Each structure stands twice: as C-alpha cells, then as structure tokens.
C-alpha atoms as a PDB file:
ATOM      1  CA  MET A   1      -2.589  25.454 -11.865  1.00  0.00           C
ATOM      2  CA  ASP A   2      -0.187  28.012 -11.460  1.00  0.00           C
ATOM      3  CA  ASP A   3       3.177  28.546 -13.243  1.00  0.00           C
ATOM      4  CA  GLU A   4       4.957  27.289 -10.334  1.00  0.00           C
ATOM      5  CA  SER A   5       2.847  24.120  -9.989  1.00  0.00           C
ATOM      6  CA  SER A   6       3.095  23.635 -13.706  1.00  0.00           C
ATOM      7  CA  ARG A   7       6.771  23.754 -13.573  1.00  0.00           C
ATOM      8  CA  ARG A   8       6.648  21.148 -10.737  1.00  0.00           C
ATOM      9  CA  GLN A   9       4.698  19.044 -12.187  1.00  0.00           C
ATOM     10  CA  GLN A  10       6.326  19.092 -15.653  1.00  0.00           C
ATOM     11  CA  ILE A  11       9.504  18.265 -13.855  1.00  0.00           C
ATOM     12  CA  LEU A  12       7.907  15.486 -12.273  1.00  0.00           C
ATOM     13  CA  GLU A  13       6.877  14.004 -15.476  1.00  0.00           C
ATOM     14  CA  VAL A  14      10.442  14.407 -16.952  1.00  0.00           C
ATOM     15  CA  ALA A  15      12.093  12.514 -13.926  1.00  0.00           C
ATOM     16  CA  ALA A  16       9.606   9.919 -13.826  1.00  0.00           C
ATOM     17  CA  GLU A  17      10.116   9.094 -17.727  1.00  0.00           C
ATOM     18  CA  ILE A  18      14.141   9.052 -16.985  1.00  0.00           C
ATOM     19  CA  LEU A  19      13.315   6.872 -13.944  1.00  0.00           C
ATOM     20  CA  GLU A  20      11.371   4.206 -15.934  1.00  0.00           C
ATOM     21  CA  ARG A  21      13.395   4.214 -18.923  1.00  0.00           C
ATOM     22  CA  ASP A  22      17.098   4.487 -17.204  1.00  0.00           C
ATOM     23  CA  GLY A  23      16.311   3.328 -13.738  1.00  0.00           C
ATOM     24  CA  ILE A  24      17.149   5.319 -10.602  1.00  0.00           C
ATOM     25  CA  GLN A  25      21.085   5.627 -11.014  1.00  0.00           C
ATOM     26  CA  ALA A  26      20.149   8.087 -13.809  1.00  0.00           C
ATOM     27  CA  VAL A  27      17.976  10.478 -12.238  1.00  0.00           C
ATOM     28  CA  SER A  28      20.181  13.102 -10.986  1.00  0.00           C
ATOM     29  CA  THR A  29      19.383  17.233 -10.571  1.00  0.00           C
ATOM     30  CA  ARG A  30      21.667  17.732 -13.601  1.00  0.00           C
ATOM     31  CA  THR A  31      19.992  15.297 -15.810  1.00  0.00           C
ATOM     32  CA  VAL A  32      16.352  16.184 -14.980  1.00  0.00           C
ATOM     33  CA  ALA A  33      17.183  19.805 -15.334  1.00  0.00           C
ATOM     34  CA  ALA A  34      18.660  19.496 -18.495  1.00  0.00           C
ATOM     35  CA  ALA A  35      15.934  17.239 -19.780  1.00  0.00           C
ATOM     36  CA  ALA A  36      13.222  19.650 -18.500  1.00  0.00           C
ATOM     37  CA  GLY A  37      15.167  22.489 -20.157  1.00  0.00           C
ATOM     38  CA  ILE A  38      15.524  24.473 -16.961  1.00  0.00           C
ATOM     39  CA  ARG A  39      18.198  25.494 -14.469  1.00  0.00           C
ATOM     40  CA  ALA A  40      19.608  23.173 -11.840  1.00  0.00           C
ATOM     41  CA  ALA A  41      19.087  25.963  -9.657  1.00  0.00           C
ATOM     42  CA  SER A  42      15.513  26.141 -10.501  1.00  0.00           C
ATOM     43  CA  LEU A  43      14.982  22.349  -9.663  1.00  0.00           C
ATOM     44  CA  TYR A  44      16.533  23.106  -6.454  1.00  0.00           C
ATOM     45  CA  GLN A  45      14.369  25.921  -5.408  1.00  0.00           C
ATOM     46  CA  LEU A  46      11.336  23.569  -6.045  1.00  0.00           C
ATOM     47  CA  PHE A  47      12.699  20.359  -4.662  1.00  0.00           C
ATOM     48  CA  GLY A  48      15.832  21.235  -2.734  1.00  0.00           C
ATOM     49  CA  ASP A  49      17.897  18.101  -3.783  1.00  0.00           C
ATOM     50  CA  LYS A  50      17.647  14.878  -5.515  1.00  0.00           C
ATOM     51  CA  ASP A  51      16.242  12.889  -2.003  1.00  0.00           C
ATOM     52  CA  GLY A  52      13.595  15.875  -2.360  1.00  0.00           C
ATOM     53  CA  LEU A  53      13.099  14.929  -6.152  1.00  0.00           C
ATOM     54  CA  LEU A  54      12.634  11.157  -5.466  1.00  0.00           C
ATOM     55  CA  ASP A  55      10.480  11.969  -2.599  1.00  0.00           C
ATOM     56  CA  ALA A  56       8.103  14.093  -4.586  1.00  0.00           C
ATOM     57  CA  LEU A  57       8.186  11.149  -7.190  1.00  0.00           C
ATOM     58  CA  ALA A  58       7.176   8.616  -5.010  1.00  0.00           C
ATOM     59  CA  ILE A  59       4.148  10.373  -3.419  1.00  0.00           C
ATOM     60  CA  GLN A  60       2.969  11.251  -7.023  1.00  0.00           C
ATOM     61  CA  ALA A  61       3.235   7.694  -7.799  1.00  0.00           C
ATOM     62  CA  PHE A  62       1.407   6.805  -4.599  1.00  0.00           C
ATOM     63  CA  GLU A  63      -1.079   8.978  -5.565  1.00  0.00           C
ATOM     64  CA  ARG A  64      -1.593   7.355  -8.842  1.00  0.00           C
ATOM     65  CA  TYR A  65      -1.564   3.856  -7.151  1.00  0.00           C
ATOM     66  CA  LEU A  66      -4.319   5.108  -4.918  1.00  0.00           C
ATOM     67  CA  ALA A  67      -6.526   6.668  -7.649  1.00  0.00           C
ATOM     68  CA  GLY A  68      -6.302   2.849  -9.003  1.00  0.00           C
ATOM     69  CA  LYS A  69      -7.464   1.518  -5.731  1.00  0.00           C
ATOM     70  CA  ASP A  70     -10.356   3.928  -5.355  1.00  0.00           C
ATOM     71  CA  SER A  71     -11.510   3.055  -8.810  1.00  0.00           C
ATOM     72  CA  LEU A  72     -12.291  -0.653  -7.644  1.00  0.00           C
ATOM     73  CA  GLU A  73     -16.061  -0.528  -6.787  1.00  0.00           C
ATOM     74  CA  ARG A  74     -17.096  -2.475  -3.955  1.00  0.00           C
ATOM     75  CA  SER A  75     -18.625  -6.015  -4.443  1.00  0.00           C
ATOM     76  CA  ALA A  76     -21.055  -7.944  -1.899  1.00  0.00           C
ATOM     77  CA  ASP A  77     -18.006 -10.509  -1.285  1.00  0.00           C
ATOM     78  CA  PRO A  78     -15.140  -8.478   0.796  1.00  0.00           C
ATOM     79  CA  LEU A  79     -13.002 -11.444   0.076  1.00  0.00           C
ATOM     80  CA  ASP A  80     -13.434 -11.162  -3.389  1.00  0.00           C
ATOM     81  CA  ASP A  81     -12.629  -7.252  -3.329  1.00  0.00           C
ATOM     82  CA  LEU A  82      -9.292  -8.059  -1.219  1.00  0.00           C
ATOM     83  CA  ARG A  83      -8.124 -10.385  -4.507  1.00  0.00           C
ATOM     84  CA  ARG A  84      -8.594  -7.510  -6.559  1.00  0.00           C
ATOM     85  CA  GLY A  85      -6.793  -5.384  -4.533  1.00  0.00           C
ATOM     86  CA  TRP A  86      -4.077  -7.605  -4.363  1.00  0.00           C
ATOM     87  CA  ASP A  87      -4.043  -8.459  -8.433  1.00  0.00           C
ATOM     88  CA  MET A  88      -4.449  -4.540  -8.871  1.00  0.00           C
ATOM     89  CA  HIS A  89      -1.184  -3.845  -6.448  1.00  0.00           C
ATOM     90  CA  VAL A  90       0.978  -6.409  -8.413  1.00  0.00           C
ATOM     91  CA  GLU A  91      -0.037  -5.322 -11.766  1.00  0.00           C
ATOM     92  CA  PHE A  92       0.824  -1.712 -10.965  1.00  0.00           C
ATOM     93  CA  GLY A  93       4.083  -2.751  -9.766  1.00  0.00           C
ATOM     94  CA  LEU A  94       4.838  -4.847 -13.119  1.00  0.00           C
ATOM     95  CA  ARG A  95       3.536  -1.936 -15.038  1.00  0.00           C
ATOM     96  CA  HIS A  96       5.847   0.641 -13.407  1.00  0.00           C
ATOM     97  CA  PRO A  97       8.764  -1.281 -12.081  1.00  0.00           C
ATOM     98  CA  ALA A  98      11.219   1.544 -11.366  1.00  0.00           C
ATOM     99  CA  LEU A  99       8.547   3.682  -9.555  1.00  0.00           C
ATOM    100  CA  TYR A 100       7.460   0.525  -7.483  1.00  0.00           C
ATOM    101  CA  VAL A 101      10.809  -0.029  -6.308  1.00  0.00           C
ATOM    102  CA  LEU A 102      11.135   3.712  -5.382  1.00  0.00           C
ATOM    103  CA  MET A 103       7.889   3.695  -3.370  1.00  0.00           C
ATOM    104  CA  PHE A 104       8.226   0.140  -1.636  1.00  0.00           C
ATOM    105  CA  GLY A 105      12.168  -0.551  -1.729  1.00  0.00           C
ATOM    106  CA  THR A 106      14.372   1.841   0.065  1.00  0.00           C
ATOM    107  CA  ASP A 107      18.167   1.594   1.250  1.00  0.00           C
ATOM    108  CA  ARG A 108      17.455   3.658   4.230  1.00  0.00           C
ATOM    109  CA  PRO A 109      15.132   1.933   6.800  1.00  0.00           C
ATOM    110  CA  GLY A 110      12.289   3.871   8.251  1.00  0.00           C
ATOM    111  CA  ARG A 111      11.900   6.022   5.194  1.00  0.00           C
ATOM    112  CA  GLN A 112       8.523   6.088   3.531  1.00  0.00           C
ATOM    113  CA  PRO A 113       6.563   8.756   1.451  1.00  0.00           C
ATOM    114  CA  PRO A 114       3.523   9.958   3.270  1.00  0.00           C
ATOM    115  CA  ALA A 115       0.983   8.112   1.070  1.00  0.00           C
ATOM    116  CA  ALA A 116       2.195   5.193   2.020  1.00  0.00           C
ATOM    117  CA  ALA A 117       0.530   5.205   5.250  1.00  0.00           C
ATOM    118  CA  GLU A 118      -2.967   5.820   3.306  1.00  0.00           C
ATOM    119  CA  ALA A 119      -2.084   2.599   1.296  1.00  0.00           C
ATOM    120  CA  HIS A 120      -1.883   0.910   4.409  1.00  0.00           C
ATOM    121  CA  ASP A 121      -5.152   2.049   5.881  1.00  0.00           C
ATOM    122  CA  ARG A 122      -6.995   1.154   2.516  1.00  0.00           C
ATOM    123  CA  LEU A 123      -5.813  -2.314   2.997  1.00  0.00           C
ATOM    124  CA  LEU A 124      -6.877  -2.348   6.684  1.00  0.00           C
ATOM    125  CA  SER A 125     -10.105  -0.975   5.457  1.00  0.00           C
ATOM    126  CA  PHE A 126     -10.662  -4.059   3.094  1.00  0.00           C
ATOM    127  CA  LEU A 127      -9.749  -6.389   5.875  1.00  0.00           C
ATOM    128  CA  VAL A 128     -11.991  -4.624   8.511  1.00  0.00           C
ATOM    129  CA  ARG A 129     -14.845  -5.370   6.103  1.00  0.00           C
ATOM    130  CA  VAL A 130     -13.506  -9.192   5.869  1.00  0.00           C
ATOM    131  CA  ALA A 131     -13.808  -9.351  10.088  1.00  0.00           C
ATOM    132  CA  ASP A 132     -17.236  -7.501  10.013  1.00  0.00           C
ATOM    133  CA  ALA A 133     -18.417 -10.615   7.768  1.00  0.00           C
ATOM    134  CA  GLY A 134     -17.466 -13.017  10.288  1.00  0.00           C
ATOM    135  CA  ARG A 135     -14.365 -14.578   7.954  1.00  0.00           C
ATOM    136  CA  LEU A 136     -11.196 -12.909   9.164  1.00  0.00           C
ATOM    137  CA  THR A 137      -9.327 -15.291  11.531  1.00  0.00           C
ATOM    138  CA  THR A 138      -6.584 -12.854  12.557  1.00  0.00           C
ATOM    139  CA  PRO A 139      -6.963  -9.235  14.010  1.00  0.00           C
ATOM    140  CA  PRO A 140      -7.305  -6.849  11.211  1.00  0.00           C
ATOM    141  CA  ALA A 141      -4.131  -4.999  11.915  1.00  0.00           C
ATOM    142  CA  VAL A 142      -1.834  -8.296  11.962  1.00  0.00           C
ATOM    143  CA  ALA A 143      -3.455  -9.535   8.707  1.00  0.00           C
ATOM    144  CA  ALA A 144      -2.601  -6.179   6.830  1.00  0.00           C
ATOM    145  CA  GLN A 145       0.945  -6.016   8.166  1.00  0.00           C
ATOM    146  CA  LEU A 146       1.083  -9.754   6.501  1.00  0.00           C
ATOM    147  CA  VAL A 147      -0.889  -9.164   3.369  1.00  0.00           C
ATOM    148  CA  GLN A 148       1.341  -5.918   2.762  1.00  0.00           C
ATOM    149  CA  ALA A 149       4.551  -7.603   3.463  1.00  0.00           C
ATOM    150  CA  ALA A 150       3.484 -10.741   1.037  1.00  0.00           C
ATOM    151  CA  ALA A 151       2.139  -8.464  -1.861  1.00  0.00           C
ATOM    152  CA  THR A 152       5.080  -6.362  -1.607  1.00  0.00           C
ATOM    153  CA  GLY A 153       7.427  -9.212  -1.436  1.00  0.00           C
ATOM    154  CA  ILE A 154       6.197 -11.394  -4.396  1.00  0.00           C
ATOM    155  CA  THR A 155       5.899  -8.034  -6.467  1.00  0.00           C
ATOM    156  CA  LEU A 156       9.593  -6.965  -5.702  1.00  0.00           C
ATOM    157  CA  SER A 157      10.542 -10.706  -6.585  1.00  0.00           C
ATOM    158  CA  LEU A 158       8.787 -10.522  -9.764  1.00  0.00           C
ATOM    159  CA  ILE A 159      10.146  -7.160 -10.752  1.00  0.00           C
ATOM    160  CA  ALA A 160      13.836  -8.554 -10.171  1.00  0.00           C
ATOM    161  CA  SER A 161      13.061 -11.601 -12.391  1.00  0.00           C
ATOM    162  CA  PRO A 162      13.711 -11.185 -16.043  1.00  0.00           C
ATOM    163  CA  ALA A 163      10.316 -10.609 -18.249  1.00  0.00           C
ATOM    164  CA  GLY A 164      10.557 -13.868 -20.169  1.00  0.00           C
ATOM    165  CA  GLN A 165      10.890 -15.664 -17.175  1.00  0.00           C
ATOM    166  CA  ARG A 166       8.218 -14.340 -14.530  1.00  0.00           C
ATOM    167  CA  ASP A 167       5.057 -16.884 -13.826  1.00  0.00           C
ATOM    168  CA  PRO A 168       2.393 -14.731 -13.282  1.00  0.00           C
ATOM    169  CA  GLN A 169       0.692 -17.566 -11.426  1.00  0.00           C
ATOM    170  CA  VAL A 170       3.389 -17.024  -8.619  1.00  0.00           C
ATOM    171  CA  ALA A 171       1.849 -13.919  -7.403  1.00  0.00           C
ATOM    172  CA  THR A 172      -1.883 -15.893  -7.980  1.00  0.00           C
ATOM    173  CA  LYS A 173      -0.714 -18.739  -5.635  1.00  0.00           C
ATOM    174  CA  MET A 174       0.808 -16.507  -3.172  1.00  0.00           C
ATOM    175  CA  ARG A 175      -2.516 -14.792  -2.739  1.00  0.00           C
ATOM    176  CA  GLU A 176      -4.415 -17.587  -2.319  1.00  0.00           C
ATOM    177  CA  LEU A 177      -1.959 -18.697   0.466  1.00  0.00           C
ATOM    178  CA  MET A 178      -2.473 -15.540   2.262  1.00  0.00           C
ATOM    179  CA  VAL A 179      -6.372 -15.736   1.992  1.00  0.00           C
ATOM    180  CA  ALA A 180      -6.422 -19.279   3.005  1.00  0.00           C
ATOM    181  CA  SER A 181      -4.286 -18.674   6.071  1.00  0.00           C
ATOM    182  CA  LEU A 182      -5.932 -15.495   7.087  1.00  0.00           C
ATOM    183  CA  THR A 183      -9.628 -16.223   6.351  1.00  0.00           C
ATOM    184  CA  THR A 184     -12.484 -18.697   6.124  1.00  0.00           C
ATOM    185  CA  ASP A 185     -14.785 -19.326   3.422  1.00  0.00           C
ATOM    186  CA  SER A 186     -17.257 -20.751   5.528  1.00  0.00           C
ATOM    187  CA  PRO A 187     -20.380 -18.214   6.755  1.00  0.00           C
ATOM    188  CA  PRO A 188     -20.548 -16.964  10.417  1.00  0.00           C
ATOM    189  CA  PRO A 189     -22.404 -19.654  12.590  1.00  0.00           C
ATOM    190  CA  SER A 190     -25.506 -18.127  13.722  1.00  0.00           C
ATOM    191  CA  ASP A 191     -24.233 -18.150  17.230  1.00  0.00           C
ATOM    192  CA  PRO A 192     -20.375 -17.040  16.792  1.00  0.00           C
ATOM    193  CA  GLY A 193     -18.103 -17.914  19.398  1.00  0.00           C
ATOM    194  CA  LEU A 194     -15.877 -15.746  21.758  1.00  0.00           C
ATOM    195  CA  ALA A 195     -12.776 -15.744  19.105  1.00  0.00           C
ATOM    196  CA  THR A 196     -15.087 -14.606  16.444  1.00  0.00           C
ATOM    197  CA  ARG A 197     -16.789 -11.831  18.801  1.00  0.00           C
ATOM    198  CA  ALA A 198     -13.173 -10.758  20.054  1.00  0.00           C
ATOM    199  CA  LEU A 199     -12.121 -10.096  16.305  1.00  0.00           C
ATOM    200  CA  ALA A 200     -15.273  -8.392  15.084  1.00  0.00           C
ATOM    201  CA  LEU A 201     -14.755  -5.872  18.129  1.00  0.00           C
ATOM    202  CA  ASP A 202     -11.346  -5.499  17.502  1.00  0.00           C
ATOM    203  CA  ALA A 203     -12.247  -4.892  13.713  1.00  0.00           C
ATOM    204  CA  ALA A 204     -14.955  -2.162  14.919  1.00  0.00           C
ATOM    205  CA  LEU A 205     -12.176  -0.572  17.039  1.00  0.00           C
ATOM    206  CA  SER A 206      -9.854  -0.286  14.179  1.00  0.00           C
ATOM    207  CA  GLY A 207     -12.266   1.764  11.923  1.00  0.00           C
ATOM    208  CA  ALA A 208     -13.391   3.776  14.783  1.00  0.00           C
ATOM    209  CA  ASP A 209     -12.665   7.314  15.285  1.00  0.00           C
ATOM    210  CA  ASP A 210     -10.339   7.808  18.451  1.00  0.00           C
ATOM    211  CA  LYS A 211     -12.221  10.820  19.436  1.00  0.00           C
ATOM    212  CA  ALA A 212     -15.461   9.109  19.354  1.00  0.00           C
ATOM    213  CA  LEU A 213     -14.441   6.540  21.863  1.00  0.00           C
ATOM    214  CA  PRO A 214     -14.921   6.950  25.476  1.00  0.00           C
ATOM    215  CA  LEU A 215     -11.484   5.707  26.364  1.00  0.00           C
ATOM    216  CA  ARG A 216      -7.918   6.780  26.642  1.00  0.00           C
ATOM    217  CA  ALA A 217      -5.563   5.723  24.071  1.00  0.00           C
ATOM    218  CA  SER A 218      -3.946   3.513  26.637  1.00  0.00           C
ATOM    219  CA  GLU A 219      -7.032   1.797  27.479  1.00  0.00           C
ATOM    220  CA  VAL A 220      -7.799   1.113  23.887  1.00  0.00           C
ATOM    221  CA  ALA A 221      -4.404  -0.410  23.158  1.00  0.00           C
ATOM    222  CA  LEU A 222      -4.703  -2.605  26.423  1.00  0.00           C
ATOM    223  CA  LEU A 223      -8.329  -3.700  25.201  1.00  0.00           C
ATOM    224  CA  ARG A 224      -7.056  -4.636  21.722  1.00  0.00           C
ATOM    225  CA  ASP A 225      -4.512  -6.564  23.549  1.00  0.00           C
ATOM    226  CA  TRP A 226      -7.033  -8.696  25.147  1.00  0.00           C
ATOM    227  CA  LEU A 227      -9.162  -9.311  22.455  1.00  0.00           C
ATOM    228  CA  ASN A 228      -6.091 -10.325  20.365  1.00  0.00           C
ATOM    229  CA  ASP A 229      -5.550 -12.890  23.103  1.00  0.00           C
ATOM    230  CA  LEU A 230      -9.145 -13.888  22.975  1.00  0.00           C
ATOM    231  CA  ALA A 231      -8.988 -14.222  19.151  1.00  0.00           C
ATOM    232  CA  ASP A 232      -6.084 -16.747  19.357  1.00  0.00           C
END
C-alpha cells in the first residue's frame, strides 16, 4: 500500500470510528482531520469534501458487507441460503447501525454508492437459484426488490428502536412472511406448468450475459414482460 492509500485508509478508519461513536452529524472535515492528525487541506485533496468522504465511507462499508456475504457457503437448499443471507443483513445493520444508515438511508433520493448495485446483484443471484429449483412464485427481479425493501425496512426499524426494546423475532417473522409469500416449499412437479416454465426462463435470462443472447435489449425486455404475464 502506497503512502496516499495508507493515509486514505487511516482517515476512513478515523471517520468510521467517529460515525459509529457519535453519529453522522459529528462527521465533519474539521473533526476528522483533527482526529487523524492531518491538515484539512490534505483531507480535501483525497476526498474533495464531506460528501466525498461519506461516499467513500459507504463504499468501504459495502465492501465489508459484501465480504460477509461471500463468506456464506452455498448449501443444497437455496431457500436456506436466502434465509441466512437475510439474517446476515440484519445482523450487520444492528452491529454497525450508523454505517448501515449511511449505506441504506439517504436524505437525497437517487443517491446510492456503487457497491449497492452489487449487493442487489448478489440478492438477485440467490433468487435466481430459488427460481431454478422451481420454488419461486414471483419473477426474480420483482422478488429481489421486495426482499431488499423488506430487509432494509425492518433493519432500519430495529435500529431506530431503543436497544432494550428490540424484539429480534420481528426480523425473523418478517423473513418468514417474505419467504412464504414469494416461494413454495413443495418440490416442482415432474411436469411443471406454464407459469413455472415462464419463471424458470425469466430466471435464466436474469443470469445470462447480454452479449451472449441472440436478441436486442429491447427484445429481451419485451420477452421478459411476456414471461412475467405468463407467470401471473
């Protein structure tokens, strides 16, 4: 690691400590520079401004979050893997509440760190496996949006509650409600119906490389609309 990278990492560690200890309002270029023992001008050179520093913090937090996801070994049951991924998500938020709010809560709609898209792709890959097993009752892309909204909402709700009043079973109950509404525990029939076939093909398209498909993007979008209609 070169001097600039080392200095950048040191600043991020200091900023993360201030954030988790005192909240986002305490994170300013002046307080972070003072705590890191550097001039404010040096911080500006590396991050631009406070927003740049917070963006870098969020990206680093997502990298830590995704590393935890990568550590989860796949099992033979994709639904079990989905449950473990949900639990890990909630656990990360409760262990790092200020970082989680920075990652998933924003006062400016439309702003998300680049790693947020990767986190969504990881969730989608879990759901594509569920669809491939014939156990998803909703198109993977729609299911991913629903699961992400539910997991984020319940985690932010728990973070907002006083620690002594949190019921850890709330997240588990929400998880099971989502699983029950989006999946089936029954094994796929030997002769799956049209809806199951449509979901399976939609799942295959979700995981396919666009360049490898003999269709234009507009044609793929139209095909997926038809498949979603057939799956309803």
